[in-house]
C-alpha atoms as a PDB file:
ATOM      1  CA  MET A   1     103.942 142.201  73.865  1.00  0.00           C
ATOM      2  CA  GLU A   2     107.034 143.726  72.363  1.00  0.00           C
ATOM      3  CA  GLY A   3     108.693 146.705  74.390  1.00  0.00           C
ATOM      4  CA  VAL A   4     107.133 145.517  77.486  1.00  0.00           C
ATOM      5  CA  LYS A   5     109.542 143.879  80.137  1.00  0.00           C
ATOM      6  CA  LYS A   6     108.723 140.775  81.324  1.00  0.00           C
ATOM      7  CA  PRO A   7     108.436 140.919  85.364  1.00  0.00           C
ATOM      8  CA  LYS A   8     111.505 139.647  86.880  1.00  0.00           C
ATOM      9  CA  VAL A   9     110.876 135.986  88.603  1.00  0.00           C
ATOM     10  CA  THR A  10     112.170 136.247  92.502  1.00  0.00           C
ATOM     11  CA  LYS A  11     113.578 132.910  93.193  1.00  0.00           C
ATOM     12  CA  THR A  12     112.905 131.959  96.688  1.00  0.00           C
ATOM     13  CA  GLU A  13     116.140 131.685  98.810  1.00  0.00           C
ATOM     14  CA  MET A  14     117.289 127.749  99.138  1.00  0.00           C
ATOM     15  CA  LYS A  15     117.980 127.155 102.962  1.00  0.00           C
ATOM     16  CA  PHE A  16     119.133 124.109 104.158  1.00  0.00           C
ATOM     17  CA  TYR A  17     120.383 122.260 107.291  1.00  0.00           C
ATOM     18  CA  ASP A  18     123.959 121.210 107.476  1.00  0.00           C
ATOM     19  CA  GLU A  19     125.072 117.657 108.962  1.00  0.00           C
ATOM     20  CA  SER A  20     125.046 119.021 112.413  1.00  0.00           C
ATOM     21  CA  GLU A  21     121.938 120.715 112.256  1.00  0.00           C
ATOM     22  CA  ALA A  22     119.892 117.809 110.729  1.00  0.00           C
ATOM     23  CA  LYS A  23     121.168 115.517 113.686  1.00  0.00           C
ATOM     24  CA  LYS A  24     119.687 118.252 115.999  1.00  0.00           C
ATOM     25  CA  VAL A  25     116.340 117.767 113.905  1.00  0.00           C
ATOM     26  CA  ILE A  26     116.563 114.153 113.992  1.00  0.00           C
ATOM     27  CA  GLU A  27     117.201 114.151 117.730  1.00  0.00           C
ATOM     28  CA  SER A  28     114.124 116.363 118.163  1.00  0.00           C
ATOM     29  CA  LEU A  29     111.946 113.910 115.821  1.00  0.00           C
ATOM     30  CA  TYR A  30     112.051 111.274 118.409  1.00  0.00           C
ATOM     31  CA  LYS A  31     110.027 113.340 120.742  1.00  0.00           C
ATOM     32  CA  GLU A  32     107.189 113.128 118.067  1.00  0.00           C
ATOM     33  CA  SER A  33     104.954 110.556 116.799  1.00  0.00           C
ATOM     34  CA  ALA A  34     106.309 107.651 114.680  1.00  0.00           C
ATOM     35  CA  MET A  35     104.173 108.617 111.308  1.00  0.00           C
ATOM     36  CA  TRP A  36     105.412 112.259 111.543  1.00  0.00           C
ATOM     37  CA  ARG A  37     109.234 111.164 112.603  1.00  0.00           C
ATOM     38  CA  LEU A  38     109.363 108.935 109.588  1.00  0.00           C
ATOM     39  CA  PHE A  39     107.542 110.972 107.209  1.00  0.00           C
ATOM     40  CA  ILE A  40     110.510 113.760 107.900  1.00  0.00           C
ATOM     41  CA  LEU A  41     113.144 111.278 108.015  1.00  0.00           C
ATOM     42  CA  THR A  42     111.987 110.053 104.633  1.00  0.00           C
ATOM     43  CA  ALA A  43     112.471 113.935 103.432  1.00  0.00           C
ATOM     44  CA  ILE A  44     116.017 114.114 105.021  1.00  0.00           C
ATOM     45  CA  LEU A  45     117.360 110.893 104.303  1.00  0.00           C
ATOM     46  CA  GLY A  46     115.991 110.537 100.785  1.00  0.00           C
ATOM     47  CA  GLY A  47     115.206 113.780  99.393  1.00  0.00           C
ATOM     48  CA  LEU A  48     111.997 113.116  98.310  1.00  0.00           C
ATOM     49  CA  ARG A  49     109.621 115.949  97.394  1.00  0.00           C
ATOM     50  CA  ARG A  50     106.532 116.382  99.494  1.00  0.00           C
ATOM     51  CA  GLY A  51     104.163 115.137  96.935  1.00  0.00           C
ATOM     52  CA  GLU A  52     106.245 111.929  96.561  1.00  0.00           C
ATOM     53  CA  ILE A  53     106.195 111.209 100.239  1.00  0.00           C
ATOM     54  CA  LEU A  54     102.289 111.688 100.542  1.00  0.00           C
ATOM     55  CA  ALA A  55     101.636 109.350  97.479  1.00  0.00           C
ATOM     56  CA  LEU A  56     104.066 106.400  99.082  1.00  0.00           C
ATOM     57  CA  GLU A  57     101.992 103.169  99.474  1.00  0.00           C
ATOM     58  CA  TRP A  58     103.503 100.020 100.998  1.00  0.00           C
ATOM     59  CA  CYS A  59     103.737  98.505  97.613  1.00  0.00           C
ATOM     60  CA  ASN A  60     106.584 101.152  96.965  1.00  0.00           C
ATOM     61  CA  ILE A  61     108.610  99.891 100.314  1.00  0.00           C
ATOM     62  CA  ASN A  62     111.043  97.147  99.349  1.00  0.00           C
ATOM     63  CA  PHE A  63     112.399  96.112 102.928  1.00  0.00           C
ATOM     64  CA  GLU A  64     114.514  93.138 101.480  1.00  0.00           C
ATOM     65  CA  GLU A  65     116.444  95.220  99.009  1.00  0.00           C
ATOM     66  CA  GLY A  66     116.567  98.430 101.275  1.00  0.00           C
ATOM     67  CA  PHE A  67     114.861 100.962  98.845  1.00  0.00           C
ATOM     68  CA  ILE A  68     111.880 103.264  98.244  1.00  0.00           C
ATOM     69  CA  SER A  69     110.113 103.164  94.774  1.00  0.00           C
ATOM     70  CA  VAL A  70     108.925 106.692  93.444  1.00  0.00           C
ATOM     71  CA  ASN A  71     106.416 106.501  90.806  1.00  0.00           C
ATOM     72  CA  LYS A  72     103.684 109.157  91.547  1.00  0.00           C
ATOM     73  CA  SER A  73     103.259 112.120  93.534  1.00  0.00           C
ATOM     74  CA  ILE A  74     100.079 113.931  95.066  1.00  0.00           C
ATOM     75  CA  SER A  75      99.668 117.655  94.186  1.00  0.00           C
ATOM     76  CA  LEU A  76      96.492 118.298  95.782  1.00  0.00           C
ATOM     77  CA  THR A  77      93.933 116.982  98.276  1.00  0.00           C
ATOM     78  CA  VAL A  78      90.150 118.072  97.421  1.00  0.00           C
ATOM     79  CA  ASN A  79      87.330 116.926  99.525  1.00  0.00           C
ATOM     80  CA  GLY A  80      89.311 114.040 101.065  1.00  0.00           C
ATOM     81  CA  GLN A  81      90.328 112.937  97.584  1.00  0.00           C
ATOM     82  CA  ALA A  82      94.073 112.801  96.774  1.00  0.00           C
ATOM     83  CA  ILE A  83      94.923 114.086  93.214  1.00  0.00           C
ATOM     84  CA  ILE A  84      97.589 111.955  91.752  1.00  0.00           C
ATOM     85  CA  LYS A  85      99.956 112.883  89.111  1.00  0.00           C
ATOM     86  CA  GLU A  86     103.231 111.498  87.381  1.00  0.00           C
ATOM     87  CA  PRO A  87     105.955 112.630  89.261  1.00  0.00           C
ATOM     88  CA  LYS A  88     107.739 115.991  88.379  1.00  0.00           C
ATOM     89  CA  THR A  89     110.089 114.657  85.452  1.00  0.00           C
ATOM     90  CA  LYS A  90     110.898 111.342  83.757  1.00  0.00           C
ATOM     91  CA  GLY A  91     113.896 111.069  85.939  1.00  0.00           C
ATOM     92  CA  SER A  92     111.615 111.260  88.872  1.00  0.00           C
ATOM     93  CA  LYS A  93     110.565 107.702  88.589  1.00  0.00           C
ATOM     94  CA  ARG A  94     113.414 106.160  90.823  1.00  0.00           C
ATOM     95  CA  ASN A  95     114.657 103.899  93.654  1.00  0.00           C
ATOM     96  CA  ILE A  96     116.188 105.384  96.438  1.00  0.00           C
ATOM     97  CA  THR A  97     118.312 103.390  98.786  1.00  0.00           C
ATOM     98  CA  MET A  98     117.998 104.372 102.582  1.00  0.00           C
ATOM     99  CA  PRO A  99     119.704 103.558 105.931  1.00  0.00           C
ATOM    100  CA  GLU A 100     119.511 100.124 107.797  1.00  0.00           C
ATOM    101  CA  TRP A 101     118.101 101.858 110.894  1.00  0.00           C
ATOM    102  CA  TYR A 102     115.404 103.828 109.009  1.00  0.00           C
ATOM    103  CA  PHE A 103     114.084 100.582 107.553  1.00  0.00           C
ATOM    104  CA  LYS A 104     114.046  99.118 110.883  1.00  0.00           C
ATOM    105  CA  GLU A 105     111.858 101.899 112.224  1.00  0.00           C
ATOM    106  CA  LEU A 106     109.721 101.571 109.401  1.00  0.00           C
ATOM    107  CA  LYS A 107     109.041  98.158 109.777  1.00  0.00           C
ATOM    108  CA  GLU A 108     108.069  98.679 113.213  1.00  0.00           C
ATOM    109  CA  TYR A 109     105.690 101.225 112.246  1.00  0.00           C
ATOM    110  CA  TRP A 110     104.377  99.125 109.204  1.00  0.00           C
ATOM    111  CA  THR A 111     103.010  96.503 112.192  1.00  0.00           C
ATOM    112  CA  GLU A 112     101.395  99.155 114.050  1.00  0.00           C
ATOM    113  CA  TRP A 113     100.003 100.523 110.775  1.00  0.00           C
ATOM    114  CA  LYS A 114      98.561  96.883 110.166  1.00  0.00           C
ATOM    115  CA  LYS A 115      96.907  96.675 113.695  1.00  0.00           C
ATOM    116  CA  GLU A 116      95.424  99.958 113.134  1.00  0.00           C
ATOM    117  CA  LYS A 117      93.578  99.029 109.941  1.00  0.00           C
ATOM    118  CA  LEU A 118      92.366  95.806 111.552  1.00  0.00           C
ATOM    119  CA  LYS A 119      91.217  97.864 114.492  1.00  0.00           C
ATOM    120  CA  VAL A 120      88.987 100.255 112.750  1.00  0.00           C
ATOM    121  CA  GLY A 121      87.505  97.466 110.205  1.00  0.00           C
ATOM    122  CA  GLU A 122      84.808  99.129 108.257  1.00  0.00           C
ATOM    123  CA  LEU A 123      85.674 102.555 109.338  1.00  0.00           C
ATOM    124  CA  TRP A 124      88.768 102.261 106.983  1.00  0.00           C
ATOM    125  CA  SER A 125      88.264 105.052 104.399  1.00  0.00           C
ATOM    126  CA  GLY A 126      91.558 104.270 102.604  1.00  0.00           C
ATOM    127  CA  GLY A 127      90.032 102.180  99.356  1.00  0.00           C
ATOM    128  CA  ASN A 128      92.236 100.428  97.581  1.00  0.00           C
ATOM    129  CA  PHE A 129      94.948 102.733  98.441  1.00  0.00           C
ATOM    130  CA  GLN A 130      97.480 101.900 101.250  1.00  0.00           C
ATOM    131  CA  TYR A 131      99.341 105.077 102.330  1.00  0.00           C
ATOM    132  CA  VAL A 132     102.194 104.604 104.282  1.00  0.00           C
ATOM    133  CA  PHE A 133     101.546 107.823 105.716  1.00  0.00           C
ATOM    134  CA  HIS A 134      97.905 108.858 106.312  1.00  0.00           C
ATOM    135  CA  ALA A 135      95.573 111.182 108.047  1.00  0.00           C
ATOM    136  CA  GLY A 136      93.542 108.562 109.898  1.00  0.00           C
ATOM    137  CA  PHE A 137      91.421 105.754 108.848  1.00  0.00           C
ATOM    138  CA  GLY A 138      93.614 105.434 105.730  1.00  0.00           C
ATOM    139  CA  LYS A 139      92.535 108.935 104.516  1.00  0.00           C
ATOM    140  CA  PRO A 140      95.418 110.831 102.560  1.00  0.00           C
ATOM    141  CA  ILE A 141      97.159 113.674 104.289  1.00  0.00           C
ATOM    142  CA  TYR A 142      95.964 116.863 103.090  1.00  0.00           C
ATOM    143  CA  HIS A 143      98.671 118.290 100.975  1.00  0.00           C
ATOM    144  CA  THR A 144      99.309 121.499 103.209  1.00  0.00           C
ATOM    145  CA  GLN A 145      99.491 119.610 106.201  1.00  0.00           C
ATOM    146  CA  PRO A 146     102.963 118.777 106.347  1.00  0.00           C
ATOM    147  CA  SER A 147     104.280 122.451 106.112  1.00  0.00           C
ATOM    148  CA  LYS A 148     102.050 123.351 108.728  1.00  0.00           C
ATOM    149  CA  TRP A 149     102.862 120.570 111.230  1.00  0.00           C
ATOM    150  CA  TRP A 150     106.836 121.178 110.245  1.00  0.00           C
ATOM    151  CA  ARG A 151     106.499 124.859 110.982  1.00  0.00           C
ATOM    152  CA  GLU A 152     105.052 123.978 114.653  1.00  0.00           C
ATOM    153  CA  PHE A 153     107.573 121.236 115.036  1.00  0.00           C
ATOM    154  CA  CYS A 154     110.681 123.880 114.653  1.00  0.00           C
ATOM    155  CA  SER A 155     108.918 126.373 116.922  1.00  0.00           C
ATOM    156  CA  ARG A 156     108.173 123.637 119.570  1.00  0.00           C
ATOM    157  CA  HIS A 157     111.767 122.532 119.777  1.00  0.00           C
ATOM    158  CA  ASP A 158     113.410 125.838 118.955  1.00  0.00           C
ATOM    159  CA  LEU A 159     114.942 124.718 115.746  1.00  0.00           C
ATOM    160  CA  ARG A 160     115.980 127.113 113.000  1.00  0.00           C
ATOM    161  CA  TYR A 161     112.917 127.282 110.799  1.00  0.00           C
ATOM    162  CA  ILE A 162     113.354 126.320 106.922  1.00  0.00           C
ATOM    163  CA  ARG A 163     110.714 125.709 104.643  1.00  0.00           C
ATOM    164  CA  PHE A 164     109.290 122.207 104.316  1.00  0.00           C
ATOM    165  CA  HIS A 165     110.681 121.784 100.808  1.00  0.00           C
ATOM    166  CA  ASP A 166     114.579 122.378 102.255  1.00  0.00           C
ATOM    167  CA  PRO A 167     115.077 119.396 104.064  1.00  0.00           C
ATOM    168  CA  ARG A 168     115.286 118.086 100.453  1.00  0.00           C
ATOM    169  CA  HIS A 169     118.157 120.531  99.854  1.00  0.00           C
ATOM    170  CA  SER A 170     119.574 119.600 103.403  1.00  0.00           C
ATOM    171  CA  HIS A 171     119.822 115.744 101.879  1.00  0.00           C
ATOM    172  CA  VAL A 172     122.055 117.136  99.054  1.00  0.00           C
ATOM    173  CA  ALA A 173     124.350 119.482 101.439  1.00  0.00           C
ATOM    174  CA  ILE A 174     125.048 116.385 103.909  1.00  0.00           C
ATOM    175  CA  LEU A 175     125.718 114.134 100.700  1.00  0.00           C
ATOM    176  CA  LEU A 176     128.012 116.845  99.458  1.00  0.00           C
ATOM    177  CA  GLU A 177     129.607 116.998 102.935  1.00  0.00           C
ATOM    178  CA  ASN A 178     130.382 113.600 102.763  1.00  0.00           C
ATOM    179  CA  GLU A 179     131.893 113.727  99.271  1.00  0.00           C
ATOM    180  CA  THR A 180     129.121 111.977  97.419  1.00  0.00           C
ATOM    181  CA  ASP A 181     129.341 111.877  93.630  1.00  0.00           C
ATOM    182  CA  LEU A 182     127.168 114.309  92.138  1.00  0.00           C
ATOM    183  CA  LYS A 183     125.823 111.975  89.679  1.00  0.00           C
ATOM    184  CA  ILE A 184     124.420 109.927  92.348  1.00  0.00           C
ATOM    185  CA  ILE A 185     122.876 113.000  94.141  1.00  0.00           C
ATOM    186  CA  GLN A 186     120.851 113.582  90.767  1.00  0.00           C
ATOM    187  CA  GLU A 187     119.507 109.985  90.596  1.00  0.00           C
ATOM    188  CA  ARG A 188     118.444 110.146  94.289  1.00  0.00           C
ATOM    189  CA  LEU A 189     116.724 113.682  93.470  1.00  0.00           C
ATOM    190  CA  GLY A 190     115.032 112.536  90.418  1.00  0.00           C
ATOM    191  CA  HIS A 191     116.458 115.404  88.237  1.00  0.00           C
ATOM    192  CA  SER A 192     116.294 115.062  84.536  1.00  0.00           C
ATOM    193  CA  SER A 193     119.734 116.012  83.891  1.00  0.00           C
ATOM    194  CA  TYR A 194     123.284 116.355  85.822  1.00  0.00           C
ATOM    195  CA  GLN A 195     123.627 119.959  84.689  1.00  0.00           C
ATOM    196  CA  THR A 196     120.063 120.426  86.640  1.00  0.00           C
ATOM    197  CA  THR A 197     121.603 119.283  89.487  1.00  0.00           C
ATOM    198  CA  ALA A 198     124.962 120.972  89.181  1.00  0.00           C
ATOM    199  CA  ASP A 199     123.393 124.373  88.408  1.00  0.00           C
ATOM    200  CA  THR A 200     120.748 124.189  91.487  1.00  0.00           C
ATOM    201  CA  TYR A 201     123.125 123.175  94.133  1.00  0.00           C
ATOM    202  CA  ALA A 202     126.535 125.268  92.807  1.00  0.00           C
ATOM    203  CA  HIS A 203     126.138 127.443  95.965  1.00  0.00           C
ATOM    204  CA  VAL A 204     125.710 124.628  98.275  1.00  0.00           C
ATOM    205  CA  SER A 205     129.024 123.127  97.176  1.00  0.00           C
ATOM    206  CA  LYS A 206     130.661 126.629  97.007  1.00  0.00           C
ATOM    207  CA  ASN A 207     129.588 127.343 100.868  1.00  0.00           C
ATOM    208  CA  ILE A 208     130.794 123.347 101.845  1.00  0.00           C
ATOM    209  CA  ASN A 209     134.439 124.244 100.019  1.00  0.00           C
ATOM    210  CA  LYS A 210     134.609 127.600 102.134  1.00  0.00           C
ATOM    211  CA  ALA A 211     133.517 125.895 105.291  1.00  0.00           C
ATOM    212  CA  THR A 212     136.193 123.113 104.487  1.00  0.00           C
ATOM    213  CA  ALA A 213     138.882 125.658 104.042  1.00  0.00           C
ATOM    214  CA  ASP A 214     137.812 127.410 107.425  1.00  0.00           C
ATOM    215  CA  LYS A 215     138.461 124.284 108.910  1.00  0.00           C
ATOM    216  CA  LEU A 216     142.128 124.287 107.851  1.00  0.00           C
ATOM    217  CA  ASN A 217     142.515 127.457 109.373  1.00  0.00           C
ATOM    218  CA  LYS A 218     143.259 125.237 112.874  1.00  0.00           C
ATOM    219  CA  LEU A 219     146.382 124.194 110.973  1.00  0.00           C
ATOM    220  CA  ASP A 220     147.816 127.651 111.163  1.00  0.00           C
ATOM    221  CA  PRO A 221     150.823 127.675 113.767  1.00  0.00           C
ATOM    222  CA  ARG A 222     150.295 131.053 114.909  1.00  0.00           C
ATOM    223  CA  LYS A 223     147.267 130.175 116.364  1.00  0.00           C
ATOM    224  CA  ASN A 224     148.898 127.581 118.587  1.00  0.00           C
ATOM    225  CA  SER A 225     150.698 129.192 121.341  1.00  0.00           C
ATOM    226  CA  SER A 226     152.756 126.199 121.884  1.00  0.00           C
ATOM    227  CA  THR A 227     154.621 126.560 118.383  1.00  0.00           C
ATOM    228  CA  THR A 228     157.778 128.623 118.304  1.00  0.00           C
ATOM    229  CA  ARG A 229     158.447 129.931 114.679  1.00  0.00           C
ATOM    230  CA  GLN A 230     161.950 130.467 113.622  1.00  0.00           C
ATOM    231  CA  GLN A 231     162.962 133.772 113.295  1.00  0.00           C
ATOM    232  CA  LEU A 232     164.368 134.951 109.623  1.00  0.00           C
END
């Protein structure tokens, strides 16, 4: 309506872990089950969205080439049934390379996954889906469960809490800290445009640049007691 002001949209503050904090998180993950450890690692190391991780099936895992194919997402889970949809944007359909050590652990988990499926036999309820991460008997994980588990995990290990979506942002921060080209980051995140990535993570780049400048302060000769300065 004309003359009526639109309500301001309040954006949730983006928080993220830097590389040193991410290492602490990963160390703590090794005190948890293999499934949840790999679930969170997929977010931190690959930058996948929650729904994209929930929808992953073994056919999306390419052990030989070392990448994960993202082609769908689970937005909701209703009465135990997953609501599957296309990824958020056209660019969201993508292949994401992952570290060798991640795939080594995922392969070990896959071996146990197959043993479990054989063990439960007819009780397996996954149907034609073979979700990498499931809630038991092949059923999809309820869409809010990752966030609940993540909050409890952070509390359990006395880690700074950030939203479950924020490990995706942490993925970007780590890549930027290691001087990864923004175009590569755009492709890994599945953003529709380079500008979206640049705008979304401009403040992250700014913070990293400031941190880099702060590190250079250690070169200040006035802070080195063994350095003598020539008097002018």
